[in-house]
Amino acid sequence: MKDKLRRFLRIDRRWIFLLLTAVMVWPIIHPFGLSGKTSQQSVRDFYDFVEKLKPGQAVILGTDYDPSTKPELHPQAVAALRHLFSKDVRVLILTFISGAPGMIEELNQTVPAEYGKEYGKDYVIMPYNPNYMAAMTQMSIDIYKAYDKDAEGNDVRGMPVMAGIKTYKDIAGVIEITGTGMLDAWVAYAGDKYGVPIIGGTTAISQLGFGPYLQNKQIRGLVGGMRGASEYETLISKPGKATSGIDALNMAHLLVILLILSSNLILLVIKEK
């Protein structure tokens, strides 16, 4: 008996790596939404805010993240855009960081087609603007001072999506998905100053830092990291990469824990006299 247990401890580590790969690939192919069974209050608040929007209202979707934070934040942006389109809300997509246009293009190529949304009528993509302070300040006076052209250089003034929009008063809220400090900027330049509702999506490591904003209602809702994105996907009944990704991580963690426990129990048995 003890000899068999010793052989187990000497198992080729490549078999362990193969088993780990298998348990991670399985939920990616067939996600089962372990983390979505319950959701954090901040995620439910995010969902509730979008759910209460009325058709035809306009929302700014800030996508200030790049490939380094894409695994955590892109699923949030996809889920948010899906939710907004399902409510027939007009969306103004913009960014203040240079690495984000590629992420926006991915959104543009996939999500609008799912809901039959038309560019220029239901949504518009604004050009990258490196000066966020100037843009946020200008939008409080006249949005066209900051954005008179879209990302392709087309005049936005005549687009149906921009009908009736001139200042923050005509915006129902700002949803900022970011791996930078841009959420703080929206709170300072639009939320606190002009009363624009701000909703955020951040990386998991940044989530705790926004606790005071949530307590003071400066942020109306917050999705944090891949777990938060998975919970949001469950709330909108659209499981995606966050759901499969967090399932894979959970299964990998469970396997590692089981291996550690079994190895230690085997060592205890072997050492018994």
Protein backbone atom coordinates (compact mmCIF):
# COMPACT_ATOMS: atom_id res chain seq x y z
CA MET A 1 0.00 0.00 0.00
CA LYS A 2 2.70 2.46 0.99
CA ASP A 3 4.68 1.60 -2.13
CA LYS A 4 1.71 2.58 -4.29
CA LEU A 5 1.37 5.86 -2.41
CA ARG A 6 5.07 6.57 -2.91
CA ARG A 7 4.67 5.99 -6.65
CA PHE A 8 1.85 8.53 -6.63
CA LEU A 9 4.18 11.14 -5.10
CA ARG A 10 6.76 10.41 -7.79
CA ILE A 11 4.33 10.82 -10.67
CA ASP A 12 5.77 12.60 -13.72
CA ARG A 13 4.86 16.29 -13.41
CA ARG A 14 3.93 16.35 -17.09
CA TRP A 15 0.82 14.31 -16.23
CA ILE A 16 -0.11 16.98 -13.68
CA PHE A 17 0.34 19.71 -16.28
CA LEU A 18 -1.80 17.72 -18.72
CA LEU A 19 -4.54 17.29 -16.10
CA LEU A 20 -4.38 21.01 -15.28
CA THR A 21 -4.75 21.86 -18.96
CA ALA A 22 -7.75 19.55 -19.27
CA VAL A 23 -9.64 21.00 -16.29
CA MET A 24 -9.04 24.53 -17.61
CA VAL A 25 -10.02 23.81 -21.21
CA TRP A 26 -13.24 22.03 -20.25
CA PRO A 27 -15.02 25.09 -18.74
CA ILE A 28 -13.73 27.32 -21.54
CA ILE A 29 -15.54 25.09 -24.03
CA HIS A 30 -18.55 24.49 -21.77
CA PRO A 31 -18.78 27.27 -19.16
CA PHE A 32 -21.04 26.56 -16.21
CA GLY A 33 -21.05 29.94 -14.44
CA LEU A 34 -19.77 29.06 -10.98
CA SER A 35 -19.07 32.67 -9.99
CA GLY A 36 -22.31 33.97 -11.45
CA LYS A 37 -24.54 32.18 -8.94
CA THR A 38 -24.23 35.21 -6.65
CA SER A 39 -23.22 38.78 -7.44
CA GLN A 40 -21.70 41.67 -5.54
CA GLN A 41 -23.92 44.63 -4.67
CA SER A 42 -21.79 47.00 -6.76
CA VAL A 43 -22.29 44.77 -9.83
CA ARG A 44 -26.05 44.63 -9.24
CA ASP A 45 -26.07 48.43 -8.91
CA PHE A 46 -24.25 48.69 -12.26
CA TYR A 47 -26.82 46.35 -13.82
CA ASP A 48 -29.78 48.17 -12.24
CA PHE A 49 -28.60 51.55 -13.52
CA VAL A 50 -28.44 50.36 -17.13
CA GLU A 51 -31.66 48.38 -16.74
CA LYS A 52 -33.53 51.57 -15.76
CA LEU A 53 -32.38 53.54 -18.82
CA LYS A 54 -35.09 54.38 -21.32
CA PRO A 55 -34.93 53.77 -25.08
CA GLY A 56 -33.43 56.73 -26.89
CA GLN A 57 -31.38 58.02 -23.98
CA ALA A 58 -27.69 58.62 -24.62
CA VAL A 59 -24.76 57.21 -22.65
CA ILE A 60 -21.01 57.72 -22.92
CA LEU A 61 -19.03 54.47 -22.89
CA GLY A 62 -15.40 55.15 -22.01
CA THR A 63 -13.06 52.33 -23.03
CA ASP A 64 -9.73 53.32 -21.50
CA TYR A 65 -7.83 50.05 -21.47
CA ASP A 66 -5.21 48.40 -23.66
CA PRO A 67 -4.07 44.82 -24.41
CA SER A 68 -2.31 44.52 -21.02
CA THR A 69 -5.64 44.67 -19.15
CA LYS A 70 -7.84 43.28 -21.93
CA PRO A 71 -8.54 39.88 -20.27
CA GLU A 72 -10.21 41.59 -17.31
CA LEU A 73 -11.75 44.66 -18.95
CA HIS A 74 -12.77 43.72 -22.49
CA PRO A 75 -15.46 41.28 -21.26
CA GLN A 76 -16.84 44.12 -19.11
CA ALA A 77 -17.04 46.43 -22.13
CA VAL A 78 -18.68 43.73 -24.25
CA ALA A 79 -21.28 43.00 -21.55
CA ALA A 80 -21.98 46.71 -20.98
CA LEU A 81 -22.44 47.40 -24.69
CA ARG A 82 -24.70 44.37 -25.06
CA HIS A 83 -26.82 45.55 -22.16
CA LEU A 84 -27.05 49.11 -23.53
CA PHE A 85 -28.03 47.91 -27.00
CA SER A 86 -30.64 45.58 -25.54
CA LYS A 87 -32.23 48.67 -23.92
CA ASP A 88 -32.08 50.62 -27.22
CA VAL A 89 -29.85 53.25 -25.67
CA ARG A 90 -27.70 55.46 -27.90
CA VAL A 91 -23.98 55.00 -27.19
CA LEU A 92 -21.07 57.41 -27.64
CA ILE A 93 -17.85 55.39 -27.47
CA LEU A 94 -14.65 57.28 -26.71
CA THR A 95 -11.18 56.85 -25.24
CA PHE A 96 -8.30 58.88 -23.88
CA ILE A 97 -5.52 56.29 -24.11
CA SER A 98 -3.59 55.38 -27.25
CA GLY A 99 -3.81 51.60 -26.82
CA ALA A 100 -7.61 51.46 -26.81
CA PRO A 101 -8.68 52.02 -30.46
CA GLY A 102 -7.89 48.38 -31.28
CA MET A 103 -10.12 47.24 -28.42
CA ILE A 104 -12.90 49.52 -29.65
CA GLU A 105 -12.59 48.11 -33.16
CA GLU A 106 -13.13 44.61 -31.74
CA LEU A 107 -16.31 45.83 -30.06
CA ASN A 108 -17.43 47.47 -33.29
CA GLN A 109 -16.91 44.31 -35.33
CA THR A 110 -18.91 42.03 -33.04
CA VAL A 111 -21.49 43.50 -30.66
CA PRO A 112 -23.55 45.89 -32.87
CA ALA A 113 -24.30 43.14 -35.39
CA GLU A 114 -25.78 40.97 -32.61
CA TYR A 115 -28.50 43.58 -32.05
CA GLY A 116 -28.84 44.96 -35.59
CA LYS A 117 -27.46 48.33 -34.54
CA GLU A 118 -26.44 50.87 -37.17
CA TYR A 119 -23.38 53.09 -36.95
CA GLY A 120 -24.26 56.77 -36.83
CA LYS A 121 -27.84 56.02 -35.80
CA ASP A 122 -27.49 53.87 -32.68
CA TYR A 123 -23.85 54.44 -31.78
CA VAL A 124 -20.78 56.43 -32.76
CA ILE A 125 -17.06 56.00 -32.14
CA MET A 126 -15.19 59.20 -31.29
CA PRO A 127 -11.48 59.64 -32.10
CA TYR A 128 -8.72 59.08 -29.58
CA ASN A 129 -8.15 62.27 -27.60
CA PRO A 130 -4.99 62.47 -25.45
CA ASN A 131 -6.15 65.52 -23.48
CA TYR A 132 -8.90 64.19 -21.23
CA MET A 133 -9.09 67.28 -19.01
CA ALA A 134 -9.74 69.59 -21.94
CA ALA A 135 -12.25 67.21 -23.53
CA MET A 136 -14.23 66.64 -20.33
CA THR A 137 -14.33 70.38 -19.63
CA GLN A 138 -15.36 71.26 -23.19
CA MET A 139 -18.18 68.72 -23.15
CA SER A 140 -19.76 70.57 -20.23
CA ILE A 141 -20.18 73.59 -22.53
CA ASP A 142 -20.51 72.09 -26.00
CA ILE A 143 -19.69 68.50 -26.85
CA TYR A 144 -18.85 69.50 -30.42
CA LYS A 145 -15.94 71.60 -29.18
CA ALA A 146 -14.31 68.34 -28.15
CA TYR A 147 -15.77 66.02 -30.79
CA ASP A 148 -16.98 67.42 -34.11
CA LYS A 149 -15.66 64.42 -36.08
CA ASP A 150 -15.87 60.70 -35.46
CA ALA A 151 -12.92 58.28 -35.51
CA GLU A 152 -13.10 58.10 -39.32
CA GLY A 153 -13.20 61.87 -39.76
CA ASN A 154 -16.93 62.10 -40.50
CA ASP A 155 -18.94 65.07 -39.25
CA VAL A 156 -20.98 63.92 -36.24
CA ARG A 157 -23.34 66.91 -36.12
CA GLY A 158 -25.78 65.42 -38.59
CA MET A 159 -25.74 61.88 -37.24
CA PRO A 160 -29.05 60.69 -35.74
CA VAL A 161 -27.18 59.27 -32.73
CA MET A 162 -26.19 62.83 -31.76
CA ALA A 163 -29.68 64.32 -32.06
CA GLY A 164 -30.46 66.54 -29.07
CA ILE A 165 -27.04 66.09 -27.50
CA LYS A 166 -25.01 69.20 -26.74
CA THR A 167 -23.78 69.05 -23.12
CA TYR A 168 -23.70 66.71 -20.12
CA LYS A 169 -27.33 67.63 -19.44
CA ASP A 170 -28.27 65.53 -22.45
CA ILE A 171 -26.29 62.49 -21.27
CA ALA A 172 -27.97 59.89 -19.04
CA GLY A 173 -24.65 58.67 -17.63
CA VAL A 174 -21.04 57.74 -18.19
CA ILE A 175 -19.85 54.14 -18.09
CA GLU A 176 -16.07 54.09 -17.77
CA ILE A 177 -14.22 50.79 -18.28
CA THR A 178 -10.60 51.44 -17.41
CA GLY A 179 -7.29 50.11 -16.20
CA THR A 180 -6.08 53.68 -15.62
CA GLY A 181 -7.08 56.60 -13.39
CA MET A 182 -9.68 57.79 -15.87
CA LEU A 183 -12.59 56.77 -13.65
CA ASP A 184 -11.36 59.27 -11.05
CA ALA A 185 -11.24 61.94 -13.76
CA TRP A 186 -14.83 61.33 -14.82
CA VAL A 187 -15.95 61.60 -11.20
CA ALA A 188 -14.07 64.89 -10.75
CA TYR A 189 -14.86 66.59 -14.08
CA ALA A 190 -18.36 65.29 -14.84
CA GLY A 191 -19.86 63.54 -11.82
CA ASP A 192 -19.11 65.83 -8.89
CA LYS A 193 -19.13 69.03 -10.94
CA TYR A 194 -22.16 68.54 -13.17
CA GLY A 195 -24.10 65.73 -11.52
CA VAL A 196 -23.57 63.21 -14.32
CA PRO A 197 -24.13 59.63 -13.05
CA ILE A 198 -20.85 57.71 -13.23
CA ILE A 199 -20.62 53.91 -13.41
CA GLY A 200 -17.31 52.09 -13.54
CA GLY A 201 -15.48 48.94 -14.52
CA THR A 202 -11.95 48.35 -13.23
CA THR A 203 -9.29 45.69 -12.79
CA ALA A 204 -9.61 43.50 -9.70
CA ILE A 205 -6.56 45.04 -8.06
CA SER A 206 -8.04 48.55 -8.41
CA GLN A 207 -11.53 47.66 -7.22
CA LEU A 208 -10.97 48.19 -3.49
CA GLY A 209 -9.66 51.71 -4.04
CA PHE A 210 -13.06 52.83 -5.30
CA GLY A 211 -14.89 51.78 -2.14
CA PRO A 212 -15.17 55.38 -0.84
CA TYR A 213 -16.63 56.52 -4.18
CA LEU A 214 -19.32 53.85 -3.91
CA GLN A 215 -20.11 54.74 -0.30
CA ASN A 216 -20.49 58.42 -1.20
CA LYS A 217 -22.58 57.57 -4.30
CA GLN A 218 -20.01 59.31 -6.51
CA ILE A 219 -20.00 56.06 -8.47
CA ARG A 220 -23.41 54.41 -8.93
CA GLY A 221 -22.09 50.92 -9.65
CA LEU A 222 -18.82 49.08 -10.15
CA VAL A 223 -17.69 45.91 -11.92
CA GLY A 224 -14.31 44.65 -10.74
CA GLY A 225 -12.05 42.32 -12.69
CA MET A 226 -12.98 39.10 -14.43
CA ARG A 227 -15.13 37.94 -11.53
CA GLY A 228 -17.28 41.07 -11.71
CA ALA A 229 -17.55 40.72 -15.48
CA SER A 230 -18.68 37.11 -15.05
CA GLU A 231 -21.37 38.19 -12.57
CA TYR A 232 -22.54 40.91 -14.96
CA GLU A 233 -22.68 38.45 -17.87
CA THR A 234 -24.90 36.23 -15.73
CA LEU A 235 -27.20 39.12 -14.85
CA ILE A 236 -27.75 39.98 -18.52
CA SER A 237 -28.02 36.26 -19.41
CA LYS A 238 -25.13 36.53 -21.88
CA PRO A 239 -22.28 34.30 -20.64
CA GLY A 240 -19.04 35.16 -22.41
CA LYS A 241 -15.29 35.08 -22.01
CA ALA A 242 -15.39 36.26 -18.39
CA THR A 243 -17.68 33.40 -17.38
CA SER A 244 -15.56 30.76 -19.10
CA GLY A 245 -12.34 32.39 -17.89
CA ILE A 246 -13.34 32.53 -14.23
CA ASP A 247 -14.67 28.96 -14.41
CA ALA A 248 -11.29 27.83 -15.74
CA LEU A 249 -9.49 29.63 -12.93
CA ASN A 250 -11.80 28.15 -10.30
CA MET A 251 -11.28 24.64 -11.62
CA ALA A 252 -7.51 25.12 -11.72
CA HIS A 253 -7.48 26.38 -8.13
CA LEU A 254 -9.63 23.46 -7.02
CA LEU A 255 -7.27 20.97 -8.66
CA VAL A 256 -4.21 22.55 -7.04
CA ILE A 257 -5.88 22.45 -3.61
CA LEU A 258 -6.83 18.79 -4.07
CA LEU A 259 -3.28 17.88 -5.11
CA ILE A 260 -1.79 19.70 -2.11
CA LEU A 261 -4.20 18.04 0.32
CA SER A 262 -3.77 14.56 -1.14
CA SER A 263 0.03 14.84 -1.20
CA ASN A 264 0.16 15.90 2.43
CA LEU A 265 -2.21 13.14 3.51
CA ILE A 266 -0.08 10.58 1.67
CA LEU A 267 3.05 11.85 3.40
CA LEU A 268 1.34 11.48 6.78
CA VAL A 269 0.36 7.88 5.99
CA ILE A 270 3.81 6.97 4.72
CA LYS A 271 5.53 8.36 7.81
CA GLU A 272 3.33 6.40 10.20
CA LYS A 273 5.17 3.57 11.92
